[in-house]
Amino acid sequence: MQSQKCGKPITKVSYIYNFEGMTISKATDRTSIELLLLGTRIFQDNYPERIREIYVINAAAYFSILFSVVKSLAPQLFNKVYILGAEKWREELLDVIDADELPGFLGGNKTDPDGNPLCNSFIIHGTTIPENYYLKKSEKNLTHCPEAKKLTVTRLSKENLTFEVEEGNSLLEWEFETKNKDISFGVYFKENSGNESKLIELLPKRKIDTDYEPETGMLKCEQSGIYVIVFDNSYSWLFEKEIYYKIRIVRPNENQSLESVDLHE
């Protein structure tokens, strides 16, 4: 139906997660939970309609208890999750996935050209991640940057950063990170600085987590006027958010030379 409505094929993906060897100590580890929630937010915020189903196989009994707790955090996504447990999951997968498309090690008929049921030619199996790929949450890029500005958004509040763009087709560029936790971020426009001027949403607000790297982006300012960047913490009852940011405007005639004008409130 969506393919017909959009006039192009809409690809949906089925995911299979093998929880064999996942002990309760690993499942309740803080890092494991943070990664689960981060992955959930990425899927729900960016690709909610690309997921057909998620199948969890070899799940221990305790997993159903944990799942019932986290399900309320993202019901739209977790309603597509099916817990198959440690027995008869092969038969259950074959009920929903064609045997010729399901890899041999999962109970299907698909193999590598040499007959290997692990299908190493098109599946990258989990392995130890080399340390050179590690990201450390403690390493913040902007916190110690002399050009970055600091902004504190108290709990149950939001802060607006207002900038005047004098030339249409300029670029509004931003880079920011929070010292901890997430922040809701959005961009708005109004034609003049008067209070009666209506705010027009350009970039809808969404929660952004910068635990592992700063958030960067840009927006082409189609017309001159007042552009408002919003850091919204009104959803947080307990925590204030400390933000470090750099925002600049690049005029049309400066795009090629990469010269820019720094903005100040």
C-alpha atoms as a PDB file:
ATOM      1  CA  MET A   1       0.000   0.000   0.000  1.00  0.00           C
ATOM      2  CA  GLN A   2       2.768   2.448   0.907  1.00  0.00           C
ATOM      3  CA  SER A   3       4.633   1.530  -2.296  1.00  0.00           C
ATOM      4  CA  GLN A   4       1.546   2.392  -4.353  1.00  0.00           C
ATOM      5  CA  LYS A   5       0.970   5.610  -2.431  1.00  0.00           C
ATOM      6  CA  CYS A   6       4.584   6.797  -2.863  1.00  0.00           C
ATOM      7  CA  GLY A   7       4.969   5.514  -6.415  1.00  0.00           C
ATOM      8  CA  LYS A   8       8.168   3.638  -5.597  1.00  0.00           C
ATOM      9  CA  PRO A   9       9.159   0.425  -3.814  1.00  0.00           C
ATOM     10  CA  ILE A  10       9.308   0.698  -0.022  1.00  0.00           C
ATOM     11  CA  THR A  11      11.870  -1.698   1.418  1.00  0.00           C
ATOM     12  CA  LYS A  12      11.109  -3.320   4.755  1.00  0.00           C
ATOM     13  CA  VAL A  13      13.631  -5.378   6.689  1.00  0.00           C
ATOM     14  CA  SER A  14      13.257  -8.306   9.084  1.00  0.00           C
ATOM     15  CA  TYR A  15      15.909  -8.530  11.815  1.00  0.00           C
ATOM     16  CA  ILE A  16      16.931 -11.670  13.713  1.00  0.00           C
ATOM     17  CA  TYR A  17      18.834 -11.267  16.985  1.00  0.00           C
ATOM     18  CA  ASN A  18      20.477 -14.339  18.506  1.00  0.00           C
ATOM     19  CA  PHE A  19      20.673 -13.975  22.298  1.00  0.00           C
ATOM     20  CA  GLU A  20      22.500 -17.251  22.860  1.00  0.00           C
ATOM     21  CA  GLY A  21      25.033 -16.758  25.653  1.00  0.00           C
ATOM     22  CA  MET A  22      23.392 -13.536  26.853  1.00  0.00           C
ATOM     23  CA  THR A  23      23.528 -13.914  30.622  1.00  0.00           C
ATOM     24  CA  ILE A  24      21.395 -11.876  32.988  1.00  0.00           C
ATOM     25  CA  SER A  25      24.499 -10.003  34.192  1.00  0.00           C
ATOM     26  CA  LYS A  26      25.266  -8.932  30.619  1.00  0.00           C
ATOM     27  CA  ALA A  27      21.650  -8.054  29.887  1.00  0.00           C
ATOM     28  CA  THR A  28      21.362  -5.836  32.967  1.00  0.00           C
ATOM     29  CA  ASP A  29      24.763  -4.208  32.493  1.00  0.00           C
ATOM     30  CA  ARG A  30      24.417  -0.433  32.252  1.00  0.00           C
ATOM     31  CA  THR A  31      26.369  -0.239  28.983  1.00  0.00           C
ATOM     32  CA  SER A  32      24.169  -2.920  27.401  1.00  0.00           C
ATOM     33  CA  ILE A  33      21.016  -1.075  28.416  1.00  0.00           C
ATOM     34  CA  GLU A  34      22.354   2.269  27.139  1.00  0.00           C
ATOM     35  CA  LEU A  35      23.223   0.717  23.768  1.00  0.00           C
ATOM     36  CA  LEU A  36      19.785  -0.895  23.545  1.00  0.00           C
ATOM     37  CA  LEU A  37      18.047   2.418  24.227  1.00  0.00           C
ATOM     38  CA  LEU A  38      20.354   4.271  21.812  1.00  0.00           C
ATOM     39  CA  GLY A  39      19.625   1.772  19.045  1.00  0.00           C
ATOM     40  CA  THR A  40      15.917   1.979  19.802  1.00  0.00           C
ATOM     41  CA  ARG A  41      15.912   5.771  19.518  1.00  0.00           C
ATOM     42  CA  ILE A  42      17.841   5.651  16.227  1.00  0.00           C
ATOM     43  CA  PHE A  43      15.344   3.228  14.696  1.00  0.00           C
ATOM     44  CA  GLN A  44      12.248   4.966  16.066  1.00  0.00           C
ATOM     45  CA  ASP A  45      13.367   8.496  15.149  1.00  0.00           C
ATOM     46  CA  ASN A  46      14.769   7.742  11.697  1.00  0.00           C
ATOM     47  CA  TYR A  47      13.557   4.422  10.291  1.00  0.00           C
ATOM     48  CA  PRO A  48      10.263   3.437  11.988  1.00  0.00           C
ATOM     49  CA  GLU A  49       8.610   2.274   8.761  1.00  0.00           C
ATOM     50  CA  ARG A  50      11.615   0.329   7.461  1.00  0.00           C
ATOM     51  CA  ILE A  51      11.257  -2.395  10.089  1.00  0.00           C
ATOM     52  CA  ARG A  52       8.971  -5.299   9.196  1.00  0.00           C
ATOM     53  CA  GLU A  53       9.625  -7.468  12.257  1.00  0.00           C
ATOM     54  CA  ILE A  54      12.341  -8.163  14.806  1.00  0.00           C
ATOM     55  CA  TYR A  55      12.785 -11.754  15.968  1.00  0.00           C
ATOM     56  CA  VAL A  56      14.717 -12.578  19.139  1.00  0.00           C
ATOM     57  CA  ILE A  57      15.894 -16.195  19.266  1.00  0.00           C
ATOM     58  CA  ASN A  58      17.503 -18.180  22.091  1.00  0.00           C
ATOM     59  CA  ALA A  59      16.159 -15.676  24.606  1.00  0.00           C
ATOM     60  CA  ALA A  60      16.308 -16.805  28.230  1.00  0.00           C
ATOM     61  CA  ALA A  61      13.187 -16.683  30.397  1.00  0.00           C
ATOM     62  CA  TYR A  62      14.321 -13.514  32.182  1.00  0.00           C
ATOM     63  CA  PHE A  63      14.386 -11.633  28.876  1.00  0.00           C
ATOM     64  CA  SER A  64      10.594 -11.596  28.672  1.00  0.00           C
ATOM     65  CA  ILE A  65      10.500  -9.809  32.025  1.00  0.00           C
ATOM     66  CA  LEU A  66      13.031  -7.191  30.943  1.00  0.00           C
ATOM     67  CA  PHE A  67      11.272  -6.781  27.613  1.00  0.00           C
ATOM     68  CA  SER A  68       7.940  -6.012  29.283  1.00  0.00           C
ATOM     69  CA  VAL A  69       9.664  -3.163  31.153  1.00  0.00           C
ATOM     70  CA  VAL A  70      11.379  -1.488  28.177  1.00  0.00           C
ATOM     71  CA  LYS A  71       8.454  -2.046  25.785  1.00  0.00           C
ATOM     72  CA  SER A  72       6.635   0.994  27.168  1.00  0.00           C
ATOM     73  CA  LEU A  73       9.574   3.231  26.175  1.00  0.00           C
ATOM     74  CA  ALA A  74       8.994   2.736  22.444  1.00  0.00           C
ATOM     75  CA  PRO A  75       5.710   0.871  21.858  1.00  0.00           C
ATOM     76  CA  GLN A  76       5.604   1.689  18.133  1.00  0.00           C
ATOM     77  CA  LEU A  77       8.879  -0.176  17.636  1.00  0.00           C
ATOM     78  CA  PHE A  78       8.597  -2.925  20.237  1.00  0.00           C
ATOM     79  CA  ASN A  79       5.169  -4.010  18.992  1.00  0.00           C
ATOM     80  CA  LYS A  80       7.101  -5.426  16.039  1.00  0.00           C
ATOM     81  CA  VAL A  81       9.361  -7.529  18.285  1.00  0.00           C
ATOM     82  CA  TYR A  82       8.667 -11.251  18.679  1.00  0.00           C
ATOM     83  CA  ILE A  83      10.356 -13.358  21.369  1.00  0.00           C
ATOM     84  CA  LEU A  84      10.866 -16.907  20.066  1.00  0.00           C
ATOM     85  CA  GLY A  85      12.787 -18.321  23.012  1.00  0.00           C
ATOM     86  CA  ALA A  86      15.295 -21.173  22.932  1.00  0.00           C
ATOM     87  CA  GLU A  87      13.107 -23.967  21.536  1.00  0.00           C
ATOM     88  CA  LYS A  88      11.386 -24.397  18.166  1.00  0.00           C
ATOM     89  CA  TRP A  89      12.548 -20.989  16.941  1.00  0.00           C
ATOM     90  CA  ARG A  90      13.726 -22.506  13.658  1.00  0.00           C
ATOM     91  CA  GLU A  91      10.240 -23.810  12.921  1.00  0.00           C
ATOM     92  CA  GLU A  92       8.707 -20.466  13.881  1.00  0.00           C
ATOM     93  CA  LEU A  93      11.095 -18.555  11.611  1.00  0.00           C
ATOM     94  CA  LEU A  94      10.190 -20.840   8.705  1.00  0.00           C
ATOM     95  CA  ASP A  95       6.529 -19.998   9.278  1.00  0.00           C
ATOM     96  CA  VAL A  96       7.204 -16.355   8.395  1.00  0.00           C
ATOM     97  CA  ILE A  97      10.355 -16.441   6.201  1.00  0.00           C
ATOM     98  CA  ASP A  98      10.761 -18.448   3.000  1.00  0.00           C
ATOM     99  CA  ALA A  99      13.189 -21.359   3.488  1.00  0.00           C
ATOM    100  CA  ASP A 100      15.129 -20.376   0.346  1.00  0.00           C
ATOM    101  CA  GLU A 101      15.740 -16.899   1.822  1.00  0.00           C
ATOM    102  CA  LEU A 102      16.616 -18.017   5.356  1.00  0.00           C
ATOM    103  CA  PRO A 103      20.312 -18.912   5.949  1.00  0.00           C
ATOM    104  CA  GLY A 104      21.084 -22.539   6.703  1.00  0.00           C
ATOM    105  CA  PHE A 105      22.362 -21.910  10.234  1.00  0.00           C
ATOM    106  CA  LEU A 106      18.950 -20.437  11.057  1.00  0.00           C
ATOM    107  CA  GLY A 107      17.064 -23.439   9.711  1.00  0.00           C
ATOM    108  CA  GLY A 108      16.642 -22.411   6.069  1.00  0.00           C
ATOM    109  CA  ASN A 109      18.075 -23.618   2.755  1.00  0.00           C
ATOM    110  CA  LYS A 110      20.247 -20.650   1.816  1.00  0.00           C
ATOM    111  CA  THR A 111      24.021 -21.262   1.808  1.00  0.00           C
ATOM    112  CA  ASP A 112      27.235 -19.867   0.369  1.00  0.00           C
ATOM    113  CA  PRO A 113      28.203 -21.059  -3.144  1.00  0.00           C
ATOM    114  CA  ASP A 114      30.492 -23.602  -1.454  1.00  0.00           C
ATOM    115  CA  GLY A 115      27.607 -24.913   0.654  1.00  0.00           C
ATOM    116  CA  ASN A 116      28.609 -23.188   3.906  1.00  0.00           C
ATOM    117  CA  PRO A 117      25.393 -22.713   5.959  1.00  0.00           C
ATOM    118  CA  LEU A 118      26.947 -19.766   7.836  1.00  0.00           C
ATOM    119  CA  CYS A 119      26.647 -17.683   4.642  1.00  0.00           C
ATOM    120  CA  ASN A 120      29.888 -15.792   5.304  1.00  0.00           C
ATOM    121  CA  SER A 121      29.838 -14.379   1.772  1.00  0.00           C
ATOM    122  CA  PHE A 122      26.999 -11.986   2.635  1.00  0.00           C
ATOM    123  CA  ILE A 123      26.658 -12.088   6.443  1.00  0.00           C
ATOM    124  CA  ILE A 124      29.186 -10.481   8.775  1.00  0.00           C
ATOM    125  CA  HIS A 125      28.963 -12.437  12.004  1.00  0.00           C
ATOM    126  CA  GLY A 126      29.643 -10.848  15.364  1.00  0.00           C
ATOM    127  CA  THR A 127      33.251 -10.763  16.473  1.00  0.00           C
ATOM    128  CA  THR A 128      35.575  -8.835  18.775  1.00  0.00           C
ATOM    129  CA  ILE A 129      35.711  -5.163  17.778  1.00  0.00           C
ATOM    130  CA  PRO A 130      39.282  -3.809  17.327  1.00  0.00           C
ATOM    131  CA  GLU A 131      40.173  -1.166  19.894  1.00  0.00           C
ATOM    132  CA  ASN A 132      40.932   1.407  17.182  1.00  0.00           C
ATOM    133  CA  TYR A 133      37.169   1.574  16.550  1.00  0.00           C
ATOM    134  CA  TYR A 134      36.320   2.343  20.173  1.00  0.00           C
ATOM    135  CA  LEU A 135      34.484   5.564  20.968  1.00  0.00           C
ATOM    136  CA  LYS A 136      34.834   6.999  24.451  1.00  0.00           C
ATOM    137  CA  LYS A 137      32.027   8.995  25.999  1.00  0.00           C
ATOM    138  CA  SER A 138      34.516  10.886  28.161  1.00  0.00           C
ATOM    139  CA  GLU A 139      36.180  12.549  25.170  1.00  0.00           C
ATOM    140  CA  LYS A 140      34.142  15.668  24.424  1.00  0.00           C
ATOM    141  CA  ASN A 141      35.275  17.751  21.469  1.00  0.00           C
ATOM    142  CA  LEU A 142      33.622  21.084  22.244  1.00  0.00           C
ATOM    143  CA  THR A 143      33.829  21.194  26.029  1.00  0.00           C
ATOM    144  CA  HIS A 144      37.436  22.385  25.893  1.00  0.00           C
ATOM    145  CA  CYS A 145      37.159  24.282  22.585  1.00  0.00           C
ATOM    146  CA  PRO A 146      37.870  28.009  23.125  1.00  0.00           C
ATOM    147  CA  GLU A 147      35.558  28.990  20.247  1.00  0.00           C
ATOM    148  CA  ALA A 148      32.581  27.124  21.704  1.00  0.00           C
ATOM    149  CA  LYS A 149      29.964  28.837  23.841  1.00  0.00           C
ATOM    150  CA  LYS A 150      28.309  27.345  26.899  1.00  0.00           C
ATOM    151  CA  LEU A 151      24.561  27.286  27.495  1.00  0.00           C
ATOM    152  CA  THR A 152      22.711  25.840  30.487  1.00  0.00           C
ATOM    153  CA  VAL A 153      19.089  24.820  29.976  1.00  0.00           C
ATOM    154  CA  THR A 154      17.370  24.271  33.308  1.00  0.00           C
ATOM    155  CA  ARG A 155      14.855  21.489  33.857  1.00  0.00           C
ATOM    156  CA  LEU A 156      11.323  22.041  32.501  1.00  0.00           C
ATOM    157  CA  SER A 157      12.525  24.929  30.330  1.00  0.00           C
ATOM    158  CA  LYS A 158      13.939  25.801  26.916  1.00  0.00           C
ATOM    159  CA  GLU A 159      16.362  28.345  25.468  1.00  0.00           C
ATOM    160  CA  ASN A 160      16.039  30.165  22.137  1.00  0.00           C
ATOM    161  CA  LEU A 161      19.114  31.401  20.269  1.00  0.00           C
ATOM    162  CA  THR A 162      18.031  34.099  17.824  1.00  0.00           C
ATOM    163  CA  PHE A 163      20.125  35.128  14.818  1.00  0.00           C
ATOM    164  CA  GLU A 164      19.522  37.580  11.996  1.00  0.00           C
ATOM    165  CA  VAL A 165      20.297  36.415   8.462  1.00  0.00           C
ATOM    166  CA  GLU A 166      20.746  39.402   6.175  1.00  0.00           C
ATOM    167  CA  GLU A 167      21.044  37.595   2.830  1.00  0.00           C
ATOM    168  CA  GLY A 168      18.863  34.863   1.395  1.00  0.00           C
ATOM    169  CA  ASN A 169      20.538  31.590   0.361  1.00  0.00           C
ATOM    170  CA  SER A 170      23.000  31.866   3.241  1.00  0.00           C
ATOM    171  CA  LEU A 171      23.890  28.715   5.173  1.00  0.00           C
ATOM    172  CA  LEU A 172      23.166  28.345   8.875  1.00  0.00           C
ATOM    173  CA  GLU A 173      25.646  25.849  10.335  1.00  0.00           C
ATOM    174  CA  TRP A 174      25.723  24.365  13.830  1.00  0.00           C
ATOM    175  CA  GLU A 175      27.731  22.018  15.975  1.00  0.00           C
ATOM    176  CA  PHE A 176      26.856  21.193  19.575  1.00  0.00           C
ATOM    177  CA  GLU A 177      27.138  18.599  22.293  1.00  0.00           C
ATOM    178  CA  THR A 178      25.632  18.106  25.729  1.00  0.00           C
ATOM    179  CA  LYS A 179      27.784  17.373  28.738  1.00  0.00           C
ATOM    180  CA  ASN A 180      25.391  14.563  29.617  1.00  0.00           C
ATOM    181  CA  LYS A 181      22.004  13.178  28.568  1.00  0.00           C
ATOM    182  CA  ASP A 182      20.019  14.364  25.556  1.00  0.00           C
ATOM    183  CA  ILE A 183      18.378  17.620  24.437  1.00  0.00           C
ATOM    184  CA  SER A 184      15.553  18.422  22.036  1.00  0.00           C
ATOM    185  CA  PHE A 185      16.743  20.558  19.101  1.00  0.00           C
ATOM    186  CA  GLY A 186      14.841  22.459  16.407  1.00  0.00           C
ATOM    187  CA  VAL A 187      15.117  25.418  14.014  1.00  0.00           C
ATOM    188  CA  TYR A 188      12.453  28.059  13.324  1.00  0.00           C
ATOM    189  CA  PHE A 189      12.061  31.195  11.177  1.00  0.00           C
ATOM    190  CA  LYS A 190      10.242  34.500  11.479  1.00  0.00           C
ATOM    191  CA  GLU A 191      10.298  37.447   9.098  1.00  0.00           C
ATOM    192  CA  ASN A 192      11.150  40.119  11.670  1.00  0.00           C
ATOM    193  CA  SER A 193      12.181  40.490  15.285  1.00  0.00           C
ATOM    194  CA  GLY A 194       8.781  41.692  16.508  1.00  0.00           C
ATOM    195  CA  ASN A 195       6.957  39.617  19.092  1.00  0.00           C
ATOM    196  CA  GLU A 196       3.892  39.457  16.849  1.00  0.00           C
ATOM    197  CA  SER A 197       5.802  37.711  14.076  1.00  0.00           C
ATOM    198  CA  LYS A 198       4.780  34.050  13.831  1.00  0.00           C
ATOM    199  CA  LEU A 199       7.401  31.312  14.171  1.00  0.00           C
ATOM    200  CA  ILE A 200       7.571  28.946  11.195  1.00  0.00           C
ATOM    201  CA  GLU A 201       8.982  25.479  11.839  1.00  0.00           C
ATOM    202  CA  LEU A 202      11.896  24.607   9.538  1.00  0.00           C
ATOM    203  CA  LEU A 203      13.492  21.698  11.359  1.00  0.00           C
ATOM    204  CA  PRO A 204      11.097  19.843  13.699  1.00  0.00           C
ATOM    205  CA  LYS A 205      12.304  19.390  17.248  1.00  0.00           C
ATOM    206  CA  ARG A 206      13.747  15.980  18.099  1.00  0.00           C
ATOM    207  CA  LYS A 207      15.773  14.584  20.961  1.00  0.00           C
ATOM    208  CA  ILE A 208      19.479  14.300  20.199  1.00  0.00           C
ATOM    209  CA  ASP A 209      22.060  12.359  22.186  1.00  0.00           C
ATOM    210  CA  THR A 210      25.696  13.428  21.749  1.00  0.00           C
ATOM    211  CA  ASP A 211      27.305  10.827  23.996  1.00  0.00           C
ATOM    212  CA  TYR A 212      29.688   9.650  21.293  1.00  0.00           C
ATOM    213  CA  GLU A 213      30.078  12.598  18.919  1.00  0.00           C
ATOM    214  CA  PRO A 214      28.831  16.185  18.490  1.00  0.00           C
ATOM    215  CA  GLU A 215      25.704  16.897  16.482  1.00  0.00           C
ATOM    216  CA  THR A 216      26.473  18.832  13.293  1.00  0.00           C
ATOM    217  CA  GLY A 217      24.225  20.144  10.563  1.00  0.00           C
ATOM    218  CA  MET A 218      23.317  22.997   8.278  1.00  0.00           C
ATOM    219  CA  LEU A 219      20.245  24.659   6.844  1.00  0.00           C
ATOM    220  CA  LYS A 220      19.947  26.746   3.681  1.00  0.00           C
ATOM    221  CA  CYS A 221      18.257  30.021   4.585  1.00  0.00           C
ATOM    222  CA  GLU A 222      15.989  30.626   1.589  1.00  0.00           C
ATOM    223  CA  GLN A 223      15.220  34.188   2.669  1.00  0.00           C
ATOM    224  CA  SER A 224      16.540  36.841   4.984  1.00  0.00           C
ATOM    225  CA  GLY A 225      15.002  37.195   8.415  1.00  0.00           C
ATOM    226  CA  ILE A 226      15.256  35.911  11.961  1.00  0.00           C
ATOM    227  CA  TYR A 227      16.286  32.293  12.509  1.00  0.00           C
ATOM    228  CA  VAL A 228      15.716  30.742  15.919  1.00  0.00           C
ATOM    229  CA  ILE A 229      17.565  27.693  17.203  1.00  0.00           C
ATOM    230  CA  VAL A 230      15.737  26.038  20.109  1.00  0.00           C
ATOM    231  CA  PHE A 231      17.254  23.835  22.803  1.00  0.00           C
ATOM    232  CA  ASP A 232      14.244  22.365  24.600  1.00  0.00           C
ATOM    233  CA  ASN A 233      14.546  20.629  27.974  1.00  0.00           C
ATOM    234  CA  SER A 234      10.906  21.033  28.994  1.00  0.00           C
ATOM    235  CA  TYR A 235      10.409  17.256  29.069  1.00  0.00           C
ATOM    236  CA  SER A 236      13.034  16.734  31.796  1.00  0.00           C
ATOM    237  CA  TRP A 237      11.709  16.951  35.343  1.00  0.00           C
ATOM    238  CA  LEU A 238      15.019  16.276  37.065  1.00  0.00           C
ATOM    239  CA  PHE A 239      18.045  17.301  35.026  1.00  0.00           C
ATOM    240  CA  GLU A 240      19.404  20.543  33.639  1.00  0.00           C
ATOM    241  CA  LYS A 241      21.431  20.251  30.428  1.00  0.00           C
ATOM    242  CA  GLU A 242      24.830  21.847  29.844  1.00  0.00           C
ATOM    243  CA  ILE A 243      25.422  22.532  26.148  1.00  0.00           C
ATOM    244  CA  TYR A 244      28.543  23.594  24.280  1.00  0.00           C
ATOM    245  CA  TYR A 245      27.918  24.935  20.792  1.00  0.00           C
ATOM    246  CA  LYS A 246      29.301  26.725  17.750  1.00  0.00           C
ATOM    247  CA  ILE A 247      26.914  28.376  15.301  1.00  0.00           C
ATOM    248  CA  ARG A 248      27.824  30.412  12.251  1.00  0.00           C
ATOM    249  CA  ILE A 249      26.358  31.835   9.081  1.00  0.00           C
ATOM    250  CA  VAL A 250      27.985  31.487   5.673  1.00  0.00           C
ATOM    251  CA  ARG A 251      26.903  34.136   3.168  1.00  0.00           C
ATOM    252  CA  PRO A 252      26.258  33.119  -0.468  1.00  0.00           C
ATOM    253  CA  ASN A 253      29.382  34.812  -1.821  1.00  0.00           C
ATOM    254  CA  GLU A 254      31.487  33.131   0.862  1.00  0.00           C
ATOM    255  CA  ASN A 255      30.414  29.543   0.161  1.00  0.00           C
ATOM    256  CA  GLN A 256      33.186  28.938  -2.316  1.00  0.00           C
ATOM    257  CA  SER A 257      35.951  30.486  -0.217  1.00  0.00           C
ATOM    258  CA  LEU A 258      34.631  28.843   2.980  1.00  0.00           C
ATOM    259  CA  GLU A 259      34.921  32.158   4.792  1.00  0.00           C
ATOM    260  CA  SER A 260      32.312  32.656   7.450  1.00  0.00           C
ATOM    261  CA  VAL A 261      30.927  35.177   9.878  1.00  0.00           C
ATOM    262  CA  ASP A 262      30.598  33.993  13.469  1.00  0.00           C
ATOM    263  CA  LEU A 263      27.274  34.762  15.096  1.00  0.00           C
ATOM    264  CA  HIS A 264      26.809  36.195  18.549  1.00  0.00           C
ATOM    265  CA  GLU A 265      23.558  36.495  20.384  1.00  0.00           C
END
